[in-house]
Amino acid sequence: MGDGDKPAGGAGLKWGCATALLVGAPLGFGALGLAALGHCTPGTTCPTDAQLFGGAFLIAALCGLAVGAAIDRLRRRD
């Protein structure tokens, strides 16, 4: 066994999830608004709903992973 009192994720996981939530919520609501409007100019291709929500999820996930990794790296230097 090991440290039973130590949390499994640590600070990087907490800050990464919080960042993903703060970035993902506005992006998700923006994608929802764009999907609800659904109007494109004639002669252009419109992104599908899956592309809108997938892009929002991807951006939020990458931001969360980047912040979590940066915090873990900074905490290891101490």
PDB file of N, CA and C in Angstrom:
ATOM      1  N   MET A   1       0.838  -1.171   0.000  1.00  0.00           N
ATOM      2  CA  MET A   1       0.000   0.000   0.000  1.00  0.00           C
ATOM      3  C   MET A   1       0.880   1.229   0.000  1.00  0.00           C
ATOM      4  N   GLY A   2       0.302   2.353   0.136  1.00  0.00           N
ATOM      5  CA  GLY A   2       1.081   3.587   0.120  1.00  0.00           C
ATOM      6  C   GLY A   2       0.421   4.620   1.003  1.00  0.00           C
ATOM      7  N   ASP A   3       0.441   5.812   0.521  1.00  0.00           N
ATOM      8  CA  ASP A   3      -0.169   6.904   1.257  1.00  0.00           C
ATOM      9  C   ASP A   3      -1.678   6.820   1.117  1.00  0.00           C
ATOM     10  N   GLY A   4      -2.333   6.422   2.156  1.00  0.00           N
ATOM     11  CA  GLY A   4      -3.781   6.320   2.131  1.00  0.00           C
ATOM     12  C   GLY A   4      -4.461   7.663   2.213  1.00  0.00           C
ATOM     13  N   ASP A   5      -3.770   8.656   2.760  1.00  0.00           N
ATOM     14  CA  ASP A   5      -4.378   9.973   2.922  1.00  0.00           C
ATOM     15  C   ASP A   5      -4.212  10.847   1.687  1.00  0.00           C
ATOM     16  N   LYS A   6      -3.282  10.518   0.841  1.00  0.00           N
ATOM     17  CA  LYS A   6      -2.991  11.357  -0.319  1.00  0.00           C
ATOM     18  C   LYS A   6      -4.039  11.122  -1.410  1.00  0.00           C
ATOM     19  N   PRO A   7      -4.600  12.202  -1.972  1.00  0.00           N
ATOM     20  CA  PRO A   7      -5.582  12.006  -3.042  1.00  0.00           C
ATOM     21  C   PRO A   7      -4.914  11.447  -4.299  1.00  0.00           C
ATOM     22  N   ALA A   8      -5.669  10.688  -5.052  1.00  0.00           N
ATOM     23  CA  ALA A   8      -5.107  10.002  -6.214  1.00  0.00           C
ATOM     24  C   ALA A   8      -4.742  10.963  -7.337  1.00  0.00           C
ATOM     25  N   GLY A   9      -5.541  12.002  -7.538  1.00  0.00           N
ATOM     26  CA  GLY A   9      -5.322  12.869  -8.683  1.00  0.00           C
ATOM     27  C   GLY A   9      -4.325  13.972  -8.452  1.00  0.00           C
ATOM     28  N   GLY A  10      -4.410  14.631  -7.352  1.00  0.00           N
ATOM     29  CA  GLY A  10      -3.514  15.732  -7.077  1.00  0.00           C
ATOM     30  C   GLY A  10      -4.034  17.044  -7.631  1.00  0.00           C
ATOM     31  N   ALA A  11      -3.195  18.061  -7.515  1.00  0.00           N
ATOM     32  CA  ALA A  11      -3.597  19.411  -7.894  1.00  0.00           C
ATOM     33  C   ALA A  11      -3.766  19.556  -9.405  1.00  0.00           C
ATOM     34  N   GLY A  12      -2.931  18.870 -10.179  1.00  0.00           N
ATOM     35  CA  GLY A  12      -3.027  18.988 -11.627  1.00  0.00           C
ATOM     36  C   GLY A  12      -4.365  18.505 -12.160  1.00  0.00           C
ATOM     37  N   LEU A  13      -4.864  17.420 -11.587  1.00  0.00           N
ATOM     38  CA  LEU A  13      -6.157  16.895 -12.020  1.00  0.00           C
ATOM     39  C   LEU A  13      -7.277  17.856 -11.670  1.00  0.00           C
ATOM     40  N   LYS A  14      -7.217  18.408 -10.464  1.00  0.00           N
ATOM     41  CA  LYS A  14      -8.271  19.333 -10.033  1.00  0.00           C
ATOM     42  C   LYS A  14      -8.295  20.592 -10.890  1.00  0.00           C
ATOM     43  N   TRP A  15      -7.129  21.198 -11.110  1.00  0.00           N
ATOM     44  CA  TRP A  15      -7.068  22.422 -11.903  1.00  0.00           C
ATOM     45  C   TRP A  15      -7.357  22.140 -13.370  1.00  0.00           C
ATOM     46  N   GLY A  16      -6.951  21.001 -13.868  1.00  0.00           N
ATOM     47  CA  GLY A  16      -7.247  20.643 -15.254  1.00  0.00           C
ATOM     48  C   GLY A  16      -8.736  20.470 -15.486  1.00  0.00           C
ATOM     49  N   CYS A  17      -9.411  19.807 -14.560  1.00  0.00           N
ATOM     50  CA  CYS A  17     -10.861  19.628 -14.696  1.00  0.00           C
ATOM     51  C   CYS A  17     -11.595  20.958 -14.574  1.00  0.00           C
ATOM     52  N   ALA A  18     -11.149  21.798 -13.650  1.00  0.00           N
ATOM     53  CA  ALA A  18     -11.781  23.105 -13.487  1.00  0.00           C
ATOM     54  C   ALA A  18     -11.594  23.952 -14.743  1.00  0.00           C
ATOM     55  N   THR A  19     -10.414  23.895 -15.328  1.00  0.00           N
ATOM     56  CA  THR A  19     -10.163  24.652 -16.552  1.00  0.00           C
ATOM     57  C   THR A  19     -11.009  24.125 -17.706  1.00  0.00           C
ATOM     58  N   ALA A  20     -11.095  22.820 -17.822  1.00  0.00           N
ATOM     59  CA  ALA A  20     -11.915  22.232 -18.884  1.00  0.00           C
ATOM     60  C   ALA A  20     -13.376  22.640 -18.723  1.00  0.00           C
ATOM     61  N   LEU A  21     -13.850  22.719 -17.496  1.00  0.00           N
ATOM     62  CA  LEU A  21     -15.226  23.141 -17.250  1.00  0.00           C
ATOM     63  C   LEU A  21     -15.411  24.612 -17.612  1.00  0.00           C
ATOM     64  N   LEU A  22     -14.470  25.451 -17.205  1.00  0.00           N
ATOM     65  CA  LEU A  22     -14.587  26.883 -17.485  1.00  0.00           C
ATOM     66  C   LEU A  22     -14.468  27.198 -18.973  1.00  0.00           C
ATOM     67  N   VAL A  23     -13.700  26.415 -19.692  1.00  0.00           N
ATOM     68  CA  VAL A  23     -13.571  26.626 -21.134  1.00  0.00           C
ATOM     69  C   VAL A  23     -14.717  25.928 -21.873  1.00  0.00           C
ATOM     70  N   GLY A  24     -15.079  24.745 -21.429  1.00  0.00           N
ATOM     71  CA  GLY A  24     -16.056  23.941 -22.146  1.00  0.00           C
ATOM     72  C   GLY A  24     -17.491  24.412 -22.026  1.00  0.00           C
ATOM     73  N   ALA A  25     -17.853  24.986 -20.884  1.00  0.00           N
ATOM     74  CA  ALA A  25     -19.242  25.427 -20.710  1.00  0.00           C
ATOM     75  C   ALA A  25     -19.621  26.520 -21.711  1.00  0.00           C
ATOM     76  N   PRO A  26     -18.849  27.598 -21.830  1.00  0.00           N
ATOM     77  CA  PRO A  26     -19.228  28.604 -22.838  1.00  0.00           C
ATOM     78  C   PRO A  26     -19.147  28.081 -24.273  1.00  0.00           C
ATOM     79  N   LEU A  27     -18.148  27.246 -24.545  1.00  0.00           N
ATOM     80  CA  LEU A  27     -18.053  26.680 -25.892  1.00  0.00           C
ATOM     81  C   LEU A  27     -19.241  25.767 -26.194  1.00  0.00           C
ATOM     82  N   GLY A  28     -19.644  24.981 -25.206  1.00  0.00           N
ATOM     83  CA  GLY A  28     -20.792  24.091 -25.400  1.00  0.00           C
ATOM     84  C   GLY A  28     -22.083  24.857 -25.611  1.00  0.00           C
ATOM     85  N   PHE A  29     -22.277  25.916 -24.823  1.00  0.00           N
ATOM     86  CA  PHE A  29     -23.487  26.718 -24.999  1.00  0.00           C
ATOM     87  C   PHE A  29     -23.454  27.484 -26.320  1.00  0.00           C
ATOM     88  N   GLY A  30     -22.255  27.906 -26.735  1.00  0.00           N
ATOM     89  CA  GLY A  30     -22.130  28.545 -28.041  1.00  0.00           C
ATOM     90  C   GLY A  30     -22.439  27.581 -29.170  1.00  0.00           C
ATOM     91  N   ALA A  31     -21.951  26.354 -29.056  1.00  0.00           N
ATOM     92  CA  ALA A  31     -22.246  25.335 -30.062  1.00  0.00           C
ATOM     93  C   ALA A  31     -23.730  25.009 -30.080  1.00  0.00           C
ATOM     94  N   LEU A  32     -24.351  24.997 -28.903  1.00  0.00           N
ATOM     95  CA  LEU A  32     -25.790  24.741 -28.825  1.00  0.00           C
ATOM     96  C   LEU A  32     -26.568  25.858 -29.517  1.00  0.00           C
ATOM     97  N   GLY A  33     -26.124  27.106 -29.297  1.00  0.00           N
ATOM     98  CA  GLY A  33     -26.786  28.222 -29.964  1.00  0.00           C
ATOM     99  C   GLY A  33     -26.628  28.170 -31.470  1.00  0.00           C
ATOM    100  N   LEU A  34     -25.409  27.846 -31.933  1.00  0.00           N
ATOM    101  CA  LEU A  34     -25.200  27.731 -33.382  1.00  0.00           C
ATOM    102  C   LEU A  34     -25.993  26.576 -33.975  1.00  0.00           C
ATOM    103  N   ALA A  35     -26.095  25.486 -33.235  1.00  0.00           N
ATOM    104  CA  ALA A  35     -26.861  24.345 -33.731  1.00  0.00           C
ATOM    105  C   ALA A  35     -28.354  24.671 -33.775  1.00  0.00           C
ATOM    106  N   ALA A  36     -28.812  25.476 -32.810  1.00  0.00           N
ATOM    107  CA  ALA A  36     -30.230  25.834 -32.781  1.00  0.00           C
ATOM    108  C   ALA A  36     -30.576  26.787 -33.920  1.00  0.00           C
ATOM    109  N   LEU A  37     -29.648  27.684 -34.240  1.00  0.00           N
ATOM    110  CA  LEU A  37     -29.915  28.608 -35.345  1.00  0.00           C
ATOM    111  C   LEU A  37     -29.983  27.853 -36.665  1.00  0.00           C
ATOM    112  N   GLY A  38     -28.923  27.113 -36.944  1.00  0.00           N
ATOM    113  CA  GLY A  38     -28.926  26.216 -38.090  1.00  0.00           C
ATOM    114  C   GLY A  38     -29.034  26.871 -39.450  1.00  0.00           C
ATOM    115  N   HIS A  39     -28.861  28.161 -39.548  1.00  0.00           N
ATOM    116  CA  HIS A  39     -28.979  28.838 -40.834  1.00  0.00           C
ATOM    117  C   HIS A  39     -27.593  29.175 -41.367  1.00  0.00           C
ATOM    118  N   CYS A  40     -27.345  28.784 -42.582  1.00  0.00           N
ATOM    119  CA  CYS A  40     -26.098  29.110 -43.263  1.00  0.00           C
ATOM    120  C   CYS A  40     -26.430  29.915 -44.510  1.00  0.00           C
ATOM    121  N   THR A  41     -25.450  30.621 -44.984  1.00  0.00           N
ATOM    122  CA  THR A  41     -25.671  31.375 -46.210  1.00  0.00           C
ATOM    123  C   THR A  41     -25.784  30.400 -47.373  1.00  0.00           C
ATOM    124  N   PRO A  42     -26.596  30.729 -48.348  1.00  0.00           N
ATOM    125  CA  PRO A  42     -26.755  29.831 -49.498  1.00  0.00           C
ATOM    126  C   PRO A  42     -25.428  29.638 -50.235  1.00  0.00           C
ATOM    127  N   GLY A  43     -25.189  28.436 -50.657  1.00  0.00           N
ATOM    128  CA  GLY A  43     -23.991  28.112 -51.412  1.00  0.00           C
ATOM    129  C   GLY A  43     -22.798  27.721 -50.562  1.00  0.00           C
ATOM    130  N   THR A  44     -22.942  27.681 -49.238  1.00  0.00           N
ATOM    131  CA  THR A  44     -21.845  27.270 -48.364  1.00  0.00           C
ATOM    132  C   THR A  44     -22.235  25.983 -47.650  1.00  0.00           C
ATOM    133  N   THR A  45     -21.249  25.285 -47.164  1.00  0.00           N
ATOM    134  CA  THR A  45     -21.527  24.057 -46.416  1.00  0.00           C
ATOM    135  C   THR A  45     -21.610  24.399 -44.934  1.00  0.00           C
ATOM    136  N   CYS A  46     -22.570  23.833 -44.269  1.00  0.00           N
ATOM    137  CA  CYS A  46     -22.757  24.057 -42.833  1.00  0.00           C
ATOM    138  C   CYS A  46     -22.106  22.919 -42.050  1.00  0.00           C
ATOM    139  N   PRO A  47     -21.471  23.227 -40.916  1.00  0.00           N
ATOM    140  CA  PRO A  47     -20.963  22.138 -40.080  1.00  0.00           C
ATOM    141  C   PRO A  47     -22.130  21.393 -39.423  1.00  0.00           C
ATOM    142  N   THR A  48     -21.956  20.114 -39.246  1.00  0.00           N
ATOM    143  CA  THR A  48     -22.999  19.335 -38.581  1.00  0.00           C
ATOM    144  C   THR A  48     -22.952  19.602 -37.078  1.00  0.00           C
ATOM    145  N   ASP A  49     -23.998  19.196 -36.397  1.00  0.00           N
ATOM    146  CA  ASP A  49     -24.045  19.378 -34.937  1.00  0.00           C
ATOM    147  C   ASP A  49     -22.923  18.606 -34.261  1.00  0.00           C
ATOM    148  N   ALA A  50     -22.623  17.421 -34.775  1.00  0.00           N
ATOM    149  CA  ALA A  50     -21.546  16.618 -34.185  1.00  0.00           C
ATOM    150  C   ALA A  50     -20.200  17.321 -34.337  1.00  0.00           C
ATOM    151  N   GLN A  51     -19.989  18.005 -35.441  1.00  0.00           N
ATOM    152  CA  GLN A  51     -18.742  18.747 -35.624  1.00  0.00           C
ATOM    153  C   GLN A  51     -18.654  19.918 -34.654  1.00  0.00           C
ATOM    154  N   LEU A  52     -19.758  20.607 -34.436  1.00  0.00           N
ATOM    155  CA  LEU A  52     -19.761  21.734 -33.497  1.00  0.00           C
ATOM    156  C   LEU A  52     -19.467  21.267 -32.077  1.00  0.00           C
ATOM    157  N   PHE A  53     -20.204  20.265 -31.611  1.00  0.00           N
ATOM    158  CA  PHE A  53     -20.012  19.791 -30.245  1.00  0.00           C
ATOM    159  C   PHE A  53     -18.691  19.045 -30.087  1.00  0.00           C
ATOM    160  N   GLY A  54     -18.276  18.326 -31.115  1.00  0.00           N
ATOM    161  CA  GLY A  54     -16.989  17.640 -31.058  1.00  0.00           C
ATOM    162  C   GLY A  54     -15.830  18.618 -30.969  1.00  0.00           C
ATOM    163  N   GLY A  55     -15.915  19.696 -31.723  1.00  0.00           N
ATOM    164  CA  GLY A  55     -14.883  20.720 -31.654  1.00  0.00           C
ATOM    165  C   GLY A  55     -14.833  21.396 -30.295  1.00  0.00           C
ATOM    166  N   ALA A  56     -15.990  21.685 -29.727  1.00  0.00           N
ATOM    167  CA  ALA A  56     -16.040  22.295 -28.396  1.00  0.00           C
ATOM    168  C   ALA A  56     -15.451  21.350 -27.347  1.00  0.00           C
ATOM    169  N   PHE A  57     -15.794  20.067 -27.442  1.00  0.00           N
ATOM    170  CA  PHE A  57     -15.259  19.081 -26.502  1.00  0.00           C
ATOM    171  C   PHE A  57     -13.753  18.949 -26.651  1.00  0.00           C
ATOM    172  N   LEU A  58     -13.276  18.911 -27.884  1.00  0.00           N
ATOM    173  CA  LEU A  58     -11.848  18.745 -28.132  1.00  0.00           C
ATOM    174  C   LEU A  58     -11.051  19.927 -27.583  1.00  0.00           C
ATOM    175  N   ILE A  59     -11.525  21.136 -27.810  1.00  0.00           N
ATOM    176  CA  ILE A  59     -10.833  22.320 -27.304  1.00  0.00           C
ATOM    177  C   ILE A  59     -10.805  22.319 -25.781  1.00  0.00           C
ATOM    178  N   ALA A  60     -11.943  22.009 -25.144  1.00  0.00           N
ATOM    179  CA  ALA A  60     -12.009  21.982 -23.684  1.00  0.00           C
ATOM    180  C   ALA A  60     -11.106  20.896 -23.109  1.00  0.00           C
ATOM    181  N   ALA A  61     -11.103  19.724 -23.738  1.00  0.00           N
ATOM    182  CA  ALA A  61     -10.266  18.628 -23.244  1.00  0.00           C
ATOM    183  C   ALA A  61      -8.785  18.959 -23.371  1.00  0.00           C
ATOM    184  N   LEU A  62      -8.388  19.543 -24.488  1.00  0.00           N
ATOM    185  CA  LEU A  62      -6.980  19.898 -24.673  1.00  0.00           C
ATOM    186  C   LEU A  62      -6.539  20.987 -23.701  1.00  0.00           C
ATOM    187  N   CYS A  63      -7.404  21.956 -23.448  1.00  0.00           N
ATOM    188  CA  CYS A  63      -7.070  23.000 -22.463  1.00  0.00           C
ATOM    189  C   CYS A  63      -6.920  22.395 -21.073  1.00  0.00           C
ATOM    190  N   GLY A  64      -7.823  21.504 -20.701  1.00  0.00           N
ATOM    191  CA  GLY A  64      -7.743  20.863 -19.394  1.00  0.00           C
ATOM    192  C   GLY A  64      -6.490  20.013 -19.238  1.00  0.00           C
ATOM    193  N   LEU A  65      -6.157  19.264 -20.277  1.00  0.00           N
ATOM    194  CA  LEU A  65      -4.947  18.440 -20.222  1.00  0.00           C
ATOM    195  C   LEU A  65      -3.688  19.296 -20.147  1.00  0.00           C
ATOM    196  N   ALA A  66      -3.672  20.394 -20.899  1.00  0.00           N
ATOM    197  CA  ALA A  66      -2.492  21.262 -20.897  1.00  0.00           C
ATOM    198  C   ALA A  66      -2.292  21.919 -19.536  1.00  0.00           C
ATOM    199  N   VAL A  67      -3.363  22.412 -18.934  1.00  0.00           N
ATOM    200  CA  VAL A  67      -3.242  23.053 -17.619  1.00  0.00           C
ATOM    201  C   VAL A  67      -2.857  22.019 -16.563  1.00  0.00           C
ATOM    202  N   GLY A  68      -3.472  20.849 -16.604  1.00  0.00           N
ATOM    203  CA  GLY A  68      -3.123  19.803 -15.644  1.00  0.00           C
ATOM    204  C   GLY A  68      -1.674  19.375 -15.747  1.00  0.00           C
ATOM    205  N   ALA A  69      -1.184  19.209 -16.964  1.00  0.00           N
ATOM    206  CA  ALA A  69       0.212  18.827 -17.157  1.00  0.00           C
ATOM    207  C   ALA A  69       1.162  19.931 -16.707  1.00  0.00           C
ATOM    208  N   ALA A  70       0.805  21.175 -16.988  1.00  0.00           N
ATOM    209  CA  ALA A  70       1.658  22.295 -16.569  1.00  0.00           C
ATOM    210  C   ALA A  70       1.733  22.397 -15.055  1.00  0.00           C
ATOM    211  N   ILE A  71       0.626  22.206 -14.369  1.00  0.00           N
ATOM    212  CA  ILE A  71       0.630  22.290 -12.910  1.00  0.00           C
ATOM    213  C   ILE A  71       1.407  21.131 -12.315  1.00  0.00           C
ATOM    214  N   ASP A  72       1.224  19.945 -12.855  1.00  0.00           N
ATOM    215  CA  ASP A  72       2.005  18.799 -12.355  1.00  0.00           C
ATOM    216  C   ASP A  72       3.498  19.021 -12.548  1.00  0.00           C
ATOM    217  N   ARG A  73       3.882  19.576 -13.686  1.00  0.00           N
ATOM    218  CA  ARG A  73       5.300  19.833 -13.947  1.00  0.00           C
ATOM    219  C   ARG A  73       5.842  20.905 -12.992  1.00  0.00           C
ATOM    220  N   LEU A  74       5.064  21.956 -12.756  1.00  0.00           N
ATOM    221  CA  LEU A  74       5.525  23.016 -11.847  1.00  0.00           C
ATOM    222  C   LEU A  74       5.613  22.514 -10.413  1.00  0.00           C
ATOM    223  N   ARG A  75       4.709  21.644 -10.011  1.00  0.00           N
ATOM    224  CA  ARG A  75       4.747  21.135  -8.633  1.00  0.00           C
ATOM    225  C   ARG A  75       5.894  20.155  -8.422  1.00  0.00           C
ATOM    226  N   ARG A  76       6.343  19.469  -9.470  1.00  0.00           N
ATOM    227  CA  ARG A  76       7.465  18.534  -9.335  1.00  0.00           C
ATOM    228  C   ARG A  76       8.786  19.259  -9.154  1.00  0.00           C
ATOM    229  N   ARG A  77       8.863  20.494  -9.613  1.00  0.00           N
ATOM    230  CA  ARG A  77      10.112  21.256  -9.474  1.00  0.00           C
ATOM    231  C   ARG A  77      10.396  21.616  -8.036  1.00  0.00           C
ATOM    232  N   ASP A  78       9.367  21.705  -7.209  1.00  0.00           N
ATOM    233  CA  ASP A  78       9.554  22.109  -5.802  1.00  0.00           C
ATOM    234  C   ASP A  78      10.333  21.092  -5.016  1.00  0.00           C
TER     235      ASP A  78
END
